[in-house]
Amino acid sequence: MRSDTIARYRPELVTLLLLAAVSVGVLAGVQRGTFTVAVLGALVAGIAVLSAGLVRLFAVAEGVFVLEALGVAVVSPLLFERSVRFELYGFGLALAFLAGAFLSLAAERSSTRGEGDRAA
């Protein structure tokens, strides 16, 4: 029974682990001071594209992805510092993940719209 449950939710679990790894990596870099503002901006854009790819690659529902992203972004800053600054970084990560989910939805809608035009 347990292996059936894991097999059933494998894409969601893999996505959750990848989101956690990205979040912890970014926040660790911020805490050490290795990221400048420009690098953080590039990371946010990269995370949005990465998360859009994750949603499409693993065929995870956008609602599940959003819940996972919000959970990881709220919890992961607490691993480093309990401060408003790190919670704001987590909120920024959540926005980047949400942007990726919206990119995935937009790509899906544009592809279905193109198929409908071809059928007509």
C-alpha atoms as a PDB file:
ATOM      1  CA  MET A   1       0.000   0.000   0.000  1.00  0.00           C
ATOM      2  CA  ARG A   2       2.777   2.417   0.910  1.00  0.00           C
ATOM      3  CA  SER A   3       4.669   1.846  -2.347  1.00  0.00           C
ATOM      4  CA  ASP A   4       1.447   2.380  -4.295  1.00  0.00           C
ATOM      5  CA  THR A   5       0.970   5.736  -2.596  1.00  0.00           C
ATOM      6  CA  ILE A   6       4.554   6.774  -3.294  1.00  0.00           C
ATOM      7  CA  ALA A   7       4.272   5.669  -6.920  1.00  0.00           C
ATOM      8  CA  ARG A   8       1.001   7.519  -7.296  1.00  0.00           C
ATOM      9  CA  TYR A   9       2.369  10.808  -5.980  1.00  0.00           C
ATOM     10  CA  ARG A  10       5.920  10.485  -7.317  1.00  0.00           C
ATOM     11  CA  PRO A  11       5.774  13.543  -9.643  1.00  0.00           C
ATOM     12  CA  GLU A  12       4.479  15.737  -6.816  1.00  0.00           C
ATOM     13  CA  LEU A  13       7.141  14.445  -4.411  1.00  0.00           C
ATOM     14  CA  VAL A  14       9.960  14.965  -6.914  1.00  0.00           C
ATOM     15  CA  THR A  15       8.695  18.463  -7.649  1.00  0.00           C
ATOM     16  CA  LEU A  16       8.502  19.236  -3.935  1.00  0.00           C
ATOM     17  CA  LEU A  17      12.081  18.041  -3.400  1.00  0.00           C
ATOM     18  CA  LEU A  18      13.339  20.126  -6.329  1.00  0.00           C
ATOM     19  CA  LEU A  19      11.507  23.212  -5.044  1.00  0.00           C
ATOM     20  CA  ALA A  20      13.006  22.681  -1.607  1.00  0.00           C
ATOM     21  CA  ALA A  21      16.512  22.248  -3.038  1.00  0.00           C
ATOM     22  CA  VAL A  22      16.239  25.426  -5.104  1.00  0.00           C
ATOM     23  CA  SER A  23      14.837  27.409  -2.176  1.00  0.00           C
ATOM     24  CA  VAL A  24      17.449  26.205   0.296  1.00  0.00           C
ATOM     25  CA  GLY A  25      20.247  26.816  -2.215  1.00  0.00           C
ATOM     26  CA  VAL A  26      19.152  30.369  -2.933  1.00  0.00           C
ATOM     27  CA  LEU A  27      18.633  31.210   0.730  1.00  0.00           C
ATOM     28  CA  ALA A  28      22.009  29.705   1.681  1.00  0.00           C
ATOM     29  CA  GLY A  29      23.668  31.898  -0.938  1.00  0.00           C
ATOM     30  CA  VAL A  30      21.843  34.948   0.376  1.00  0.00           C
ATOM     31  CA  GLN A  31      22.881  34.190   3.939  1.00  0.00           C
ATOM     32  CA  ARG A  32      26.546  33.815   2.969  1.00  0.00           C
ATOM     33  CA  GLY A  33      26.382  37.032   0.969  1.00  0.00           C
ATOM     34  CA  THR A  34      27.449  35.465  -2.318  1.00  0.00           C
ATOM     35  CA  PHE A  35      24.482  36.806  -4.278  1.00  0.00           C
ATOM     36  CA  THR A  36      24.230  40.424  -5.348  1.00  0.00           C
ATOM     37  CA  VAL A  37      20.965  42.096  -6.304  1.00  0.00           C
ATOM     38  CA  ALA A  38      21.614  41.510 -10.014  1.00  0.00           C
ATOM     39  CA  VAL A  39      22.309  37.828  -9.396  1.00  0.00           C
ATOM     40  CA  LEU A  40      19.119  37.544  -7.340  1.00  0.00           C
ATOM     41  CA  GLY A  41      17.148  39.092 -10.206  1.00  0.00           C
ATOM     42  CA  ALA A  42      18.613  36.591 -12.637  1.00  0.00           C
ATOM     43  CA  LEU A  43      17.869  33.772 -10.189  1.00  0.00           C
ATOM     44  CA  VAL A  44      14.234  34.828  -9.893  1.00  0.00           C
ATOM     45  CA  ALA A  45      13.852  34.820 -13.681  1.00  0.00           C
ATOM     46  CA  GLY A  46      15.609  31.465 -13.903  1.00  0.00           C
ATOM     47  CA  ILE A  47      13.450  30.001 -11.152  1.00  0.00           C
ATOM     48  CA  ALA A  48      10.305  31.104 -12.983  1.00  0.00           C
ATOM     49  CA  VAL A  49      11.430  29.349 -16.158  1.00  0.00           C
ATOM     50  CA  LEU A  50      12.591  26.285 -14.192  1.00  0.00           C
ATOM     51  CA  SER A  51       9.298  25.983 -12.355  1.00  0.00           C
ATOM     52  CA  ALA A  52       7.333  26.288 -15.600  1.00  0.00           C
ATOM     53  CA  GLY A  53       9.426  23.443 -16.941  1.00  0.00           C
ATOM     54  CA  LEU A  54       8.826  21.380 -13.806  1.00  0.00           C
ATOM     55  CA  VAL A  55       5.067  21.778 -14.084  1.00  0.00           C
ATOM     56  CA  ARG A  56       5.087  20.654 -17.700  1.00  0.00           C
ATOM     57  CA  LEU A  57       7.747  17.951 -17.348  1.00  0.00           C
ATOM     58  CA  PHE A  58       6.222  16.163 -14.379  1.00  0.00           C
ATOM     59  CA  ALA A  59       2.606  16.955 -15.382  1.00  0.00           C
ATOM     60  CA  VAL A  60       1.865  18.275 -11.911  1.00  0.00           C
ATOM     61  CA  ALA A  61      -1.383  20.177 -11.515  1.00  0.00           C
ATOM     62  CA  GLU A  62      -0.809  23.910 -11.213  1.00  0.00           C
ATOM     63  CA  GLY A  63      -2.847  24.066  -7.994  1.00  0.00           C
ATOM     64  CA  VAL A  64      -0.692  21.403  -6.346  1.00  0.00           C
ATOM     65  CA  PHE A  65       2.450  23.145  -7.575  1.00  0.00           C
ATOM     66  CA  VAL A  66       1.293  26.470  -6.124  1.00  0.00           C
ATOM     67  CA  LEU A  67       0.568  24.870  -2.740  1.00  0.00           C
ATOM     68  CA  GLU A  68       3.966  23.169  -2.715  1.00  0.00           C
ATOM     69  CA  ALA A  69       5.734  26.384  -3.706  1.00  0.00           C
ATOM     70  CA  LEU A  70       4.003  28.428  -1.027  1.00  0.00           C
ATOM     71  CA  GLY A  71       4.721  25.818   1.635  1.00  0.00           C
ATOM     72  CA  VAL A  72       8.400  25.574   0.740  1.00  0.00           C
ATOM     73  CA  ALA A  73       8.802  29.339   0.461  1.00  0.00           C
ATOM     74  CA  VAL A  74       7.278  29.916   3.891  1.00  0.00           C
ATOM     75  CA  VAL A  75       9.131  27.116   5.706  1.00  0.00           C
ATOM     76  CA  SER A  76      12.603  27.239   4.128  1.00  0.00           C
ATOM     77  CA  PRO A  77      13.587  30.725   5.418  1.00  0.00           C
ATOM     78  CA  LEU A  78      13.019  29.467   8.956  1.00  0.00           C
ATOM     79  CA  LEU A  79      15.902  27.034   8.474  1.00  0.00           C
ATOM     80  CA  PHE A  80      18.325  29.956   8.236  1.00  0.00           C
ATOM     81  CA  GLU A  81      17.046  32.917  10.221  1.00  0.00           C
ATOM     82  CA  ARG A  82      13.821  33.860  11.900  1.00  0.00           C
ATOM     83  CA  SER A  83      13.704  37.350  10.522  1.00  0.00           C
ATOM     84  CA  VAL A  84      11.413  39.406   8.375  1.00  0.00           C
ATOM     85  CA  ARG A  85      14.181  39.799   5.803  1.00  0.00           C
ATOM     86  CA  PHE A  86      14.442  36.064   5.184  1.00  0.00           C
ATOM     87  CA  GLU A  87      10.668  35.671   5.102  1.00  0.00           C
ATOM     88  CA  LEU A  88      10.626  38.356   2.403  1.00  0.00           C
ATOM     89  CA  TYR A  89      13.213  36.362   0.461  1.00  0.00           C
ATOM     90  CA  GLY A  90      10.941  33.343   0.816  1.00  0.00           C
ATOM     91  CA  PHE A  91       8.009  35.411  -0.412  1.00  0.00           C
ATOM     92  CA  GLY A  92      10.102  36.449  -3.425  1.00  0.00           C
ATOM     93  CA  LEU A  93      10.837  32.799  -4.150  1.00  0.00           C
ATOM     94  CA  ALA A  94       7.130  32.011  -3.904  1.00  0.00           C
ATOM     95  CA  LEU A  95       6.386  34.751  -6.429  1.00  0.00           C
ATOM     96  CA  ALA A  96       9.027  33.335  -8.768  1.00  0.00           C
ATOM     97  CA  PHE A  97       7.495  29.860  -8.486  1.00  0.00           C
ATOM     98  CA  LEU A  98       4.014  31.301  -9.071  1.00  0.00           C
ATOM     99  CA  ALA A  99       5.276  33.135 -12.143  1.00  0.00           C
ATOM    100  CA  GLY A 100       6.482  29.790 -13.444  1.00  0.00           C
ATOM    101  CA  ALA A 101       3.073  28.238 -12.875  1.00  0.00           C
ATOM    102  CA  PHE A 102       1.469  31.102 -14.793  1.00  0.00           C
ATOM    103  CA  LEU A 103       4.027  30.690 -17.597  1.00  0.00           C
ATOM    104  CA  SER A 104       3.079  27.035 -17.805  1.00  0.00           C
ATOM    105  CA  LEU A 105      -0.620  27.878 -17.972  1.00  0.00           C
ATOM    106  CA  ALA A 106      -0.003  30.491 -20.660  1.00  0.00           C
ATOM    107  CA  ALA A 107       2.051  28.058 -22.734  1.00  0.00           C
ATOM    108  CA  GLU A 108      -0.629  25.396 -22.371  1.00  0.00           C
ATOM    109  CA  ARG A 109      -3.401  27.761 -23.417  1.00  0.00           C
ATOM    110  CA  SER A 110      -1.478  29.076 -26.401  1.00  0.00           C
ATOM    111  CA  SER A 111      -0.747  25.527 -27.582  1.00  0.00           C
ATOM    112  CA  THR A 112      -4.407  24.486 -27.256  1.00  0.00           C
ATOM    113  CA  ARG A 113      -5.511  27.675 -28.982  1.00  0.00           C
ATOM    114  CA  GLY A 114      -3.165  26.903 -31.877  1.00  0.00           C
ATOM    115  CA  GLU A 115      -4.554  23.382 -32.192  1.00  0.00           C
ATOM    116  CA  GLY A 116      -8.110  24.735 -32.265  1.00  0.00           C
ATOM    117  CA  ASP A 117      -7.203  27.146 -35.060  1.00  0.00           C
ATOM    118  CA  ARG A 118      -5.691  24.328 -37.110  1.00  0.00           C
ATOM    119  CA  ALA A 119      -8.796  22.154 -36.680  1.00  0.00           C
ATOM    120  CA  ALA A 120     -11.088  24.916 -37.936  1.00  0.00           C
END
